[in-house]
C-alpha atoms as a PDB file:
ATOM      1  CA  UNK A   1      -0.621-147.045   9.430  1.00  0.00           C
ATOM      2  CA  UNK A   2      -2.956-145.060   7.202  1.00  0.00           C
ATOM      3  CA  UNK A   3      -1.787-143.100   4.155  1.00  0.00           C
ATOM      4  CA  UNK A   4      -1.992-139.636   5.793  1.00  0.00           C
ATOM      5  CA  UNK A   5       0.175-140.641   8.761  1.00  0.00           C
ATOM      6  CA  UNK A   6       2.681-142.357   6.467  1.00  0.00           C
ATOM      7  CA  UNK A   7       2.888-139.295   4.207  1.00  0.00           C
ATOM      8  CA  UNK A   8       3.358-136.964   7.187  1.00  0.00           C
ATOM      9  CA  UNK A   9       6.009-139.248   8.669  1.00  0.00           C
ATOM     10  CA  UNK A  10       7.930-139.326   5.375  1.00  0.00           C
ATOM     11  CA  UNK A  11       7.692-135.534   5.049  1.00  0.00           C
ATOM     12  CA  UNK A  12       9.101-134.975   8.528  1.00  0.00           C
ATOM     13  CA  UNK A  13      11.899-137.452   7.829  1.00  0.00           C
ATOM     14  CA  UNK A  14      12.830-135.665   4.585  1.00  0.00           C
ATOM     15  CA  UNK A  15      12.863-132.271   6.302  1.00  0.00           C
ATOM     16  CA  UNK A  16      15.079-133.648   9.090  1.00  0.00           C
ATOM     17  CA  UNK A  17      17.539-135.124   6.570  1.00  0.00           C
ATOM     18  CA  UNK A  18      17.577-131.825   4.645  1.00  0.00           C
ATOM     19  CA  UNK A  19      18.137-129.848   7.851  1.00  0.00           C
ATOM     20  CA  UNK A  20      20.974-132.132   8.953  1.00  0.00           C
ATOM     21  CA  UNK A  21      22.676-131.673   5.583  1.00  0.00           C
ATOM     22  CA  UNK A  22      22.571-127.861   5.653  1.00  0.00           C
ATOM     23  CA  UNK A  23      22.777-126.993   9.349  1.00  0.00           C
ATOM     24  CA  UNK A  24      26.538-126.379   9.152  1.00  0.00           C
ATOM     25  CA  UNK A  25      26.164-123.607   6.581  1.00  0.00           C
ATOM     26  CA  UNK A  26      27.467-120.199   7.661  1.00  0.00           C
ATOM     27  CA  UNK A  27      24.696-118.145   9.269  1.00  0.00           C
ATOM     28  CA  UNK A  28      23.637-114.994   7.438  1.00  0.00           C
ATOM     29  CA  UNK A  29      24.972-112.666  10.137  1.00  0.00           C
ATOM     30  CA  UNK A  30      28.411-114.366  10.081  1.00  0.00           C
ATOM     31  CA  UNK A  31      29.016-113.488   6.402  1.00  0.00           C
ATOM     32  CA  UNK A  32      29.896-109.930   7.355  1.00  0.00           C
ATOM     33  CA  UNK A  33      32.873-111.144   9.390  1.00  0.00           C
ATOM     34  CA  UNK A  34      34.787-112.110   6.212  1.00  0.00           C
ATOM     35  CA  UNK A  35      35.939-108.553   5.469  1.00  0.00           C
ATOM     36  CA  UNK A  36      39.293-109.589   4.034  1.00  0.00           C
ATOM     37  CA  UNK A  37      37.991-112.231   1.665  1.00  0.00           C
ATOM     38  CA  UNK A  38      39.318-112.396  -1.878  1.00  0.00           C
ATOM     39  CA  UNK A  39      35.779-112.361  -3.328  1.00  0.00           C
ATOM     40  CA  UNK A  40      35.143-108.853  -2.057  1.00  0.00           C
ATOM     41  CA  UNK A  41      38.271-107.555  -3.733  1.00  0.00           C
ATOM     42  CA  UNK A  42      36.956-108.643  -7.149  1.00  0.00           C
ATOM     43  CA  UNK A  43      33.551-107.081  -6.521  1.00  0.00           C
ATOM     44  CA  UNK A  44      31.492-110.222  -5.978  1.00  0.00           C
ATOM     45  CA  UNK A  45      28.128-109.750  -4.309  1.00  0.00           C
ATOM     46  CA  UNK A  46      25.361-112.084  -3.186  1.00  0.00           C
ATOM     47  CA  UNK A  47      21.660-111.995  -4.048  1.00  0.00           C
ATOM     48  CA  UNK A  48      19.716-113.077  -0.955  1.00  0.00           C
ATOM     49  CA  UNK A  49      16.107-114.288  -0.906  1.00  0.00           C
ATOM     50  CA  UNK A  50      14.214-113.441   2.299  1.00  0.00           C
ATOM     51  CA  UNK A  51      11.178-115.212   3.711  1.00  0.00           C
ATOM     52  CA  UNK A  52       8.086-113.068   3.349  1.00  0.00           C
ATOM     53  CA  UNK A  53       5.328-115.420   4.597  1.00  0.00           C
ATOM     54  CA  UNK A  54       3.251-114.381   1.558  1.00  0.00           C
ATOM     55  CA  UNK A  55       4.425-116.360  -1.468  1.00  0.00           C
ATOM     56  CA  UNK A  56       3.824-120.094  -1.763  1.00  0.00           C
ATOM     57  CA  UNK A  57       6.612-122.597  -2.340  1.00  0.00           C
ATOM     58  CA  UNK A  58       5.419-122.990  -5.932  1.00  0.00           C
ATOM     59  CA  UNK A  59       5.528-119.215  -6.522  1.00  0.00           C
ATOM     60  CA  UNK A  60       9.103-119.023  -5.234  1.00  0.00           C
ATOM     61  CA  UNK A  61      10.244-122.120  -7.139  1.00  0.00           C
ATOM     62  CA  UNK A  62       8.715-120.880 -10.405  1.00  0.00           C
ATOM     63  CA  UNK A  63      10.296-117.429  -9.998  1.00  0.00           C
ATOM     64  CA  UNK A  64      13.759-118.837  -9.254  1.00  0.00           C
ATOM     65  CA  UNK A  65      13.560-121.158 -12.257  1.00  0.00           C
ATOM     66  CA  UNK A  66      12.383-118.375 -14.573  1.00  0.00           C
ATOM     67  CA  UNK A  67      14.613-115.524 -13.401  1.00  0.00           C
ATOM     68  CA  UNK A  68      17.748-117.190 -12.031  1.00  0.00           C
ATOM     69  CA  UNK A  69      17.664-120.226 -14.335  1.00  0.00           C
ATOM     70  CA  UNK A  70      17.775-122.601 -11.358  1.00  0.00           C
ATOM     71  CA  UNK A  71      16.772-126.182 -12.052  1.00  0.00           C
ATOM     72  CA  UNK A  72      13.805-127.523 -10.094  1.00  0.00           C
ATOM     73  CA  UNK A  73      15.988-129.110  -7.400  1.00  0.00           C
ATOM     74  CA  UNK A  74      18.001-125.917  -6.797  1.00  0.00           C
ATOM     75  CA  UNK A  75      14.858-123.804  -6.671  1.00  0.00           C
ATOM     76  CA  UNK A  76      13.160-126.193  -4.238  1.00  0.00           C
ATOM     77  CA  UNK A  77      16.209-126.243  -1.949  1.00  0.00           C
ATOM     78  CA  UNK A  78      16.418-122.445  -1.935  1.00  0.00           C
ATOM     79  CA  UNK A  79      12.686-122.165  -1.158  1.00  0.00           C
ATOM     80  CA  UNK A  80      13.002-124.674   1.694  1.00  0.00           C
ATOM     81  CA  UNK A  81      16.088-123.010   3.189  1.00  0.00           C
ATOM     82  CA  UNK A  82      14.407-119.608   2.961  1.00  0.00           C
ATOM     83  CA  UNK A  83      11.311-120.956   4.687  1.00  0.00           C
ATOM     84  CA  UNK A  84      13.191-122.559   7.591  1.00  0.00           C
ATOM     85  CA  UNK A  85      16.163-120.198   7.997  1.00  0.00           C
ATOM     86  CA  UNK A  86      14.533-116.933   6.908  1.00  0.00           C
ATOM     87  CA  UNK A  87      16.936-116.311   4.007  1.00  0.00           C
ATOM     88  CA  UNK A  88      19.063-118.017   1.395  1.00  0.00           C
ATOM     89  CA  UNK A  89      21.837-116.986  -0.972  1.00  0.00           C
ATOM     90  CA  UNK A  90      20.441-117.595  -4.444  1.00  0.00           C
ATOM     91  CA  UNK A  91      23.090-116.118  -6.746  1.00  0.00           C
ATOM     92  CA  UNK A  92      26.613-114.666  -6.711  1.00  0.00           C
ATOM     93  CA  UNK A  93      28.000-112.145  -9.167  1.00  0.00           C
ATOM     94  CA  UNK A  94      28.818-108.523  -9.776  1.00  0.00           C
ATOM     95  CA  UNK A  95      26.473-105.850  -8.472  1.00  0.00           C
ATOM     96  CA  UNK A  96      25.323-104.983 -12.000  1.00  0.00           C
ATOM     97  CA  UNK A  97      24.489-108.623 -12.827  1.00  0.00           C
ATOM     98  CA  UNK A  98      22.500-109.055  -9.642  1.00  0.00           C
ATOM     99  CA  UNK A  99      20.596-105.780  -9.968  1.00  0.00           C
ATOM    100  CA  UNK A 100      18.691-107.077 -13.006  1.00  0.00           C
ATOM    101  CA  UNK A 101      17.803-110.317 -11.207  1.00  0.00           C
ATOM    102  CA  UNK A 102      16.741-108.372  -8.125  1.00  0.00           C
ATOM    103  CA  UNK A 103      14.394-106.249 -10.217  1.00  0.00           C
ATOM    104  CA  UNK A 104      12.849-109.295 -11.938  1.00  0.00           C
ATOM    105  CA  UNK A 105      12.322-111.141  -8.643  1.00  0.00           C
ATOM    106  CA  UNK A 106      10.905-108.038  -6.966  1.00  0.00           C
ATOM    107  CA  UNK A 107       8.402-107.723  -9.821  1.00  0.00           C
ATOM    108  CA  UNK A 108       7.310-111.272  -8.950  1.00  0.00           C
ATOM    109  CA  UNK A 109       6.699-110.072  -5.359  1.00  0.00           C
ATOM    110  CA  UNK A 110       9.711-111.797  -3.835  1.00  0.00           C
ATOM    111  CA  UNK A 111      11.768-110.068  -1.153  1.00  0.00           C
ATOM    112  CA  UNK A 112      15.433-110.006  -2.219  1.00  0.00           C
ATOM    113  CA  UNK A 113      18.505-107.969  -1.342  1.00  0.00           C
ATOM    114  CA  UNK A 114      22.058-107.625  -2.623  1.00  0.00           C
ATOM    115  CA  UNK A 115      24.850-108.003  -0.080  1.00  0.00           C
END
């Protein structure tokens, strides 16, 4: 087997393993069904990264590491989830804490929202 086919095969295998690990996560549209959760009563919100089909993986990873202080593994996982699922929760906190992060990420041309 030549190097290109081996590399592609390994890449597909890694993506499949990653998908299997995270496929049981709660879908984005199901989060709204937890109206009575304790987190909402203390004012916790979620910063969500949305896929924009513009930025490269490296752009997203660099921005998450710089703005959200993610390590390289966290940033890569968030970028991959966003690419394949269309969105990913990248940070939790109060609305005021997340507003500053949202502004910084938006300045780096990333599409983010606070839920």
